[in-house]
Amino acid sequence: MTDEYQSIRVAAARAAVQESGQLEGIEGPHFLSAQSVDWRPYFAPSADGISRPDFARVIITRKGQRPREVVISWDEYAEQMDSDPEWDAIREKKPMSVFGGEVERHAYRVVFADVLAQAFPPRIVSGPPPEGWDPKDDRTMALPDDEPARDWKAEVRVADAVRLNALYDEARKAGALVKVEGLQLAFTDRMLDLASTPKPTPPAARPQGNRRRKGKR
């Protein structure tokens, strides 16, 4: 199967954003796992078998905007990557540096999409990865020119409870929860809307009183 991908190294993304002069500041990466109750600036495997963090985040600020918290999940972010044993091995071996680089790069994609688009025009490369490709780079599937992108948020807005659950599973498997900005929040909002919608009140039952039948005299 031919891979289609576009790669931007975190160092290159960082350099482009810094060169734009629009970066106010960035905090992190911070990590959260089952062994901790709060975000920490480091992660180390624990003696009880926890070998990787569950989430990573950075707080990034663009000039003229409020600070933006960007969080990615280890499992959901991994699902959008191609199956690559070498990359998986490096990621498992260096969960803090690799996962930290992933969340930093994702933050630049979210807050500085216009800067990266200008610095790295979209391109589709077919065939094996180029020489020098870094396994920490993004590897995302590209759509054919005649296939429109799926409007996940529009589907979420009109979904009923049953469809919403199925749609969430589809989005998770497709990696859309990570790729599509605000999709996770859209699911949460729709869930709250459905929960707060009053159920129709059934019609009141007609009183069933004892009626005395008139007998024949």
Protein backbone atom coordinates (compact mmCIF):
# COMPACT_ATOMS: atom_id res chain seq x y z
CA MET A 1 0.00 0.00 0.00
CA THR A 2 1.38 3.41 -0.97
CA ASP A 3 1.75 5.90 1.87
CA GLU A 4 0.69 9.50 1.39
CA TYR A 5 2.02 11.86 4.01
CA GLN A 6 3.33 15.29 4.82
CA SER A 7 6.02 15.66 7.45
CA ILE A 8 7.00 18.74 9.45
CA ARG A 9 9.71 18.27 12.05
CA VAL A 10 9.00 19.86 15.39
CA ALA A 11 12.26 21.84 15.17
CA ALA A 12 11.25 23.21 11.76
CA ALA A 13 7.75 24.10 12.98
CA ARG A 14 9.23 25.81 16.05
CA ALA A 15 11.65 27.82 13.90
CA ALA A 16 8.89 28.96 11.53
CA VAL A 17 6.67 30.07 14.39
CA GLN A 18 9.48 31.92 16.16
CA GLU A 19 10.48 33.61 12.92
CA SER A 20 6.91 34.89 12.48
CA GLY A 21 7.33 37.03 15.60
CA GLN A 22 3.83 36.04 16.74
CA LEU A 23 4.80 33.65 19.53
CA GLU A 24 4.17 35.22 22.92
CA GLY A 25 5.19 32.15 24.90
CA ILE A 26 4.84 28.40 25.34
CA GLU A 27 4.73 26.39 28.58
CA GLY A 28 5.39 22.69 28.71
CA PRO A 29 5.23 20.00 27.69
CA HIS A 30 3.49 18.65 30.77
CA PHE A 31 2.46 15.04 31.27
CA LEU A 32 -0.38 13.23 33.02
CA SER A 33 -0.59 9.51 33.75
CA ALA A 34 -2.35 7.07 36.02
CA GLN A 35 0.48 7.42 38.54
CA SER A 36 -0.04 11.18 38.99
CA VAL A 37 -2.97 13.37 39.97
CA ASP A 38 -1.71 16.56 38.38
CA TRP A 39 0.29 17.71 35.35
CA ARG A 40 4.05 17.32 35.67
CA PRO A 41 6.92 18.71 33.55
CA TYR A 42 8.52 15.28 33.38
CA PHE A 43 7.63 11.61 33.04
CA ALA A 44 9.53 8.52 34.14
CA PRO A 45 8.36 4.88 34.07
CA SER A 46 7.17 3.73 37.47
CA ALA A 47 7.96 0.59 39.40
CA ASP A 48 4.34 -0.57 39.15
CA GLY A 49 4.52 -1.01 35.38
CA ILE A 50 3.30 2.37 34.05
CA SER A 51 5.67 2.93 31.13
CA ARG A 52 4.09 5.89 29.32
CA PRO A 53 1.99 8.98 30.01
CA ASP A 54 -1.68 9.07 29.03
CA PHE A 55 -1.80 12.73 28.05
CA ALA A 56 0.57 15.56 27.15
CA ARG A 57 -0.16 19.28 26.97
CA VAL A 58 1.35 22.66 26.31
CA ILE A 59 -0.03 26.12 26.96
CA ILE A 60 0.77 28.31 23.99
CA THR A 61 0.11 32.02 23.53
CA ARG A 62 -0.01 33.95 20.28
CA LYS A 63 0.34 37.73 20.42
CA GLY A 64 -3.04 39.38 20.75
CA GLN A 65 -4.73 36.13 21.82
CA ARG A 66 -5.46 34.39 25.08
CA PRO A 67 -3.29 31.45 26.19
CA ARG A 68 -4.44 28.22 24.57
CA GLU A 69 -4.22 24.85 26.30
CA VAL A 70 -3.55 22.07 23.80
CA VAL A 71 -3.87 18.46 25.01
CA ILE A 72 -3.30 15.22 23.12
CA SER A 73 -3.88 11.62 24.14
CA TRP A 74 -1.18 9.00 23.69
CA ASP A 75 -3.62 6.43 22.25
CA GLU A 76 -5.68 8.74 20.05
CA TYR A 77 -2.62 10.51 18.65
CA ALA A 78 -0.97 7.17 17.89
CA GLU A 79 -4.03 6.06 15.90
CA GLN A 80 -3.50 8.77 13.30
CA MET A 81 0.05 7.60 12.64
CA ASP A 82 0.94 4.86 10.17
CA SER A 83 1.87 1.50 11.60
CA ASP A 84 5.64 1.71 11.93
CA PRO A 85 7.42 -0.75 14.26
CA GLU A 86 10.59 1.36 14.33
CA TRP A 87 8.68 4.51 15.24
CA ASP A 88 6.64 2.63 17.87
CA ALA A 89 9.83 1.29 19.46
CA ILE A 90 11.38 4.76 19.69
CA ARG A 91 8.17 6.23 21.08
CA GLU A 92 7.95 3.54 23.76
CA LYS A 93 11.63 3.93 24.62
CA LYS A 94 11.53 7.74 24.88
CA PRO A 95 7.94 8.57 25.86
CA MET A 96 8.78 11.96 27.34
CA SER A 97 10.89 13.42 24.52
CA VAL A 98 8.90 11.95 21.62
CA PHE A 99 5.42 12.55 23.06
CA GLY A 100 6.49 15.99 24.22
CA GLY A 101 7.61 16.82 20.70
CA GLU A 102 4.28 15.61 19.34
CA VAL A 103 2.20 17.87 21.57
CA GLU A 104 4.44 20.86 20.87
CA ARG A 105 4.14 20.34 17.12
CA HIS A 106 0.38 19.84 17.42
CA ALA A 107 0.10 23.12 19.34
CA TYR A 108 1.83 24.95 16.49
CA ARG A 109 -0.61 23.33 14.05
CA VAL A 110 -3.59 24.48 16.12
CA VAL A 111 -2.56 28.06 16.92
CA PHE A 112 -0.23 28.88 14.01
CA ALA A 113 -1.86 26.97 11.15
CA ASP A 114 -1.53 29.97 8.83
CA VAL A 115 2.17 30.37 9.61
CA LEU A 116 2.92 26.69 8.95
CA ALA A 117 0.83 26.69 5.78
CA GLN A 118 2.91 29.54 4.42
CA ALA A 119 6.22 28.06 5.53
CA PHE A 120 5.40 24.50 4.44
CA PRO A 121 3.05 24.44 1.41
CA PRO A 122 0.99 21.20 1.25
CA ARG A 123 2.62 18.43 -0.67
CA ILE A 124 1.85 14.75 -1.17
CA VAL A 125 4.77 12.37 -1.51
CA SER A 126 4.18 8.82 -2.69
CA GLY A 127 6.49 5.93 -1.96
CA PRO A 128 8.81 5.21 0.96
CA PRO A 129 9.77 7.96 3.43
CA PRO A 130 12.58 10.21 2.19
CA GLU A 131 16.13 9.79 3.43
CA GLY A 132 16.62 11.41 6.80
CA TRP A 133 12.94 11.21 7.75
CA ASP A 134 12.51 11.44 11.51
CA PRO A 135 10.06 8.90 13.02
CA LYS A 136 8.82 11.66 15.34
CA ASP A 137 7.42 13.53 12.35
CA ASP A 138 3.69 13.70 11.67
CA ARG A 139 2.45 11.17 9.17
CA THR A 140 -1.16 11.93 8.34
CA MET A 141 -3.33 10.46 5.63
CA ALA A 142 -4.18 12.83 2.78
CA LEU A 143 -7.51 12.77 0.95
CA PRO A 144 -7.70 12.44 -2.84
CA ASP A 145 -8.41 15.72 -4.61
CA ASP A 146 -11.98 14.68 -5.45
CA GLU A 147 -12.88 13.51 -1.95
CA PRO A 148 -14.19 16.26 0.35
CA ALA A 149 -13.14 16.36 3.98
CA ARG A 150 -15.72 14.96 6.36
CA ASP A 151 -17.61 17.58 8.35
CA TRP A 152 -17.51 15.88 11.73
CA LYS A 153 -18.91 18.83 13.65
CA ALA A 154 -21.98 19.08 11.40
CA GLU A 155 -22.72 15.40 12.00
CA VAL A 156 -22.31 15.85 15.75
CA ARG A 157 -24.75 18.79 15.85
CA VAL A 158 -27.65 16.74 14.45
CA ALA A 159 -26.89 13.35 16.00
CA ASP A 160 -29.25 11.73 18.46
CA ALA A 161 -27.92 9.85 21.49
CA VAL A 162 -27.46 6.52 19.71
CA ARG A 163 -25.82 8.07 16.66
CA LEU A 164 -23.60 10.25 18.87
CA ASN A 165 -22.06 7.21 20.55
CA ALA A 166 -21.37 5.52 17.22
CA LEU A 167 -20.02 8.77 15.77
CA TYR A 168 -17.60 9.17 18.68
CA ASP A 169 -16.18 5.70 18.03
CA GLU A 170 -15.77 6.53 14.34
CA ALA A 171 -14.01 9.81 15.13
CA ARG A 172 -11.68 8.14 17.61
CA LYS A 173 -10.69 5.40 15.15
CA ALA A 174 -10.11 7.96 12.39
CA GLY A 175 -7.98 10.14 14.66
CA ALA A 176 -10.41 13.04 14.11
CA LEU A 177 -10.58 13.83 17.83
CA VAL A 178 -6.99 14.96 17.53
CA LYS A 179 -6.97 16.34 13.99
CA VAL A 180 -10.20 18.37 14.06
CA GLU A 181 -9.94 21.38 16.34
CA GLY A 182 -12.81 21.63 18.82
CA LEU A 183 -14.35 18.26 17.90
CA GLN A 184 -14.04 16.85 21.41
CA LEU A 185 -15.81 19.95 22.75
CA ALA A 186 -18.52 19.58 20.10
CA PHE A 187 -19.22 16.04 21.33
CA THR A 188 -19.42 17.27 24.92
CA ASP A 189 -21.77 20.14 24.02
CA ARG A 190 -24.07 17.85 22.05
CA MET A 191 -24.14 15.34 24.87
CA LEU A 192 -25.16 18.06 27.31
CA ASP A 193 -27.81 19.32 24.89
CA LEU A 194 -29.34 15.86 24.62
CA ALA A 195 -29.22 15.39 28.38
CA SER A 196 -31.00 18.71 29.03
CA THR A 197 -33.70 18.24 26.39
CA PRO A 198 -36.97 17.57 28.24
CA LYS A 199 -38.64 14.33 27.32
CA PRO A 200 -42.16 14.60 25.94
CA THR A 201 -44.80 14.20 28.60
CA PRO A 202 -47.14 11.30 27.84
CA PRO A 203 -50.83 12.21 27.63
CA ALA A 204 -52.63 11.99 30.93
CA ALA A 205 -54.65 8.83 31.37
CA ARG A 206 -58.38 9.26 31.51
CA PRO A 207 -59.75 8.63 34.99
CA GLN A 208 -61.13 5.17 35.39
CA GLY A 209 -63.84 5.72 38.02
CA ASN A 210 -66.33 3.11 39.04
CA ARG A 211 -69.40 3.68 37.02
CA ARG A 212 -72.72 2.32 38.21
CA ARG A 213 -74.61 0.79 35.42
CA LYS A 214 -78.28 1.38 35.39
CA GLY A 215 -79.96 -1.92 35.68
CA LYS A 216 -83.32 -2.77 34.32
CA ARG A 217 -86.05 -2.68 36.84
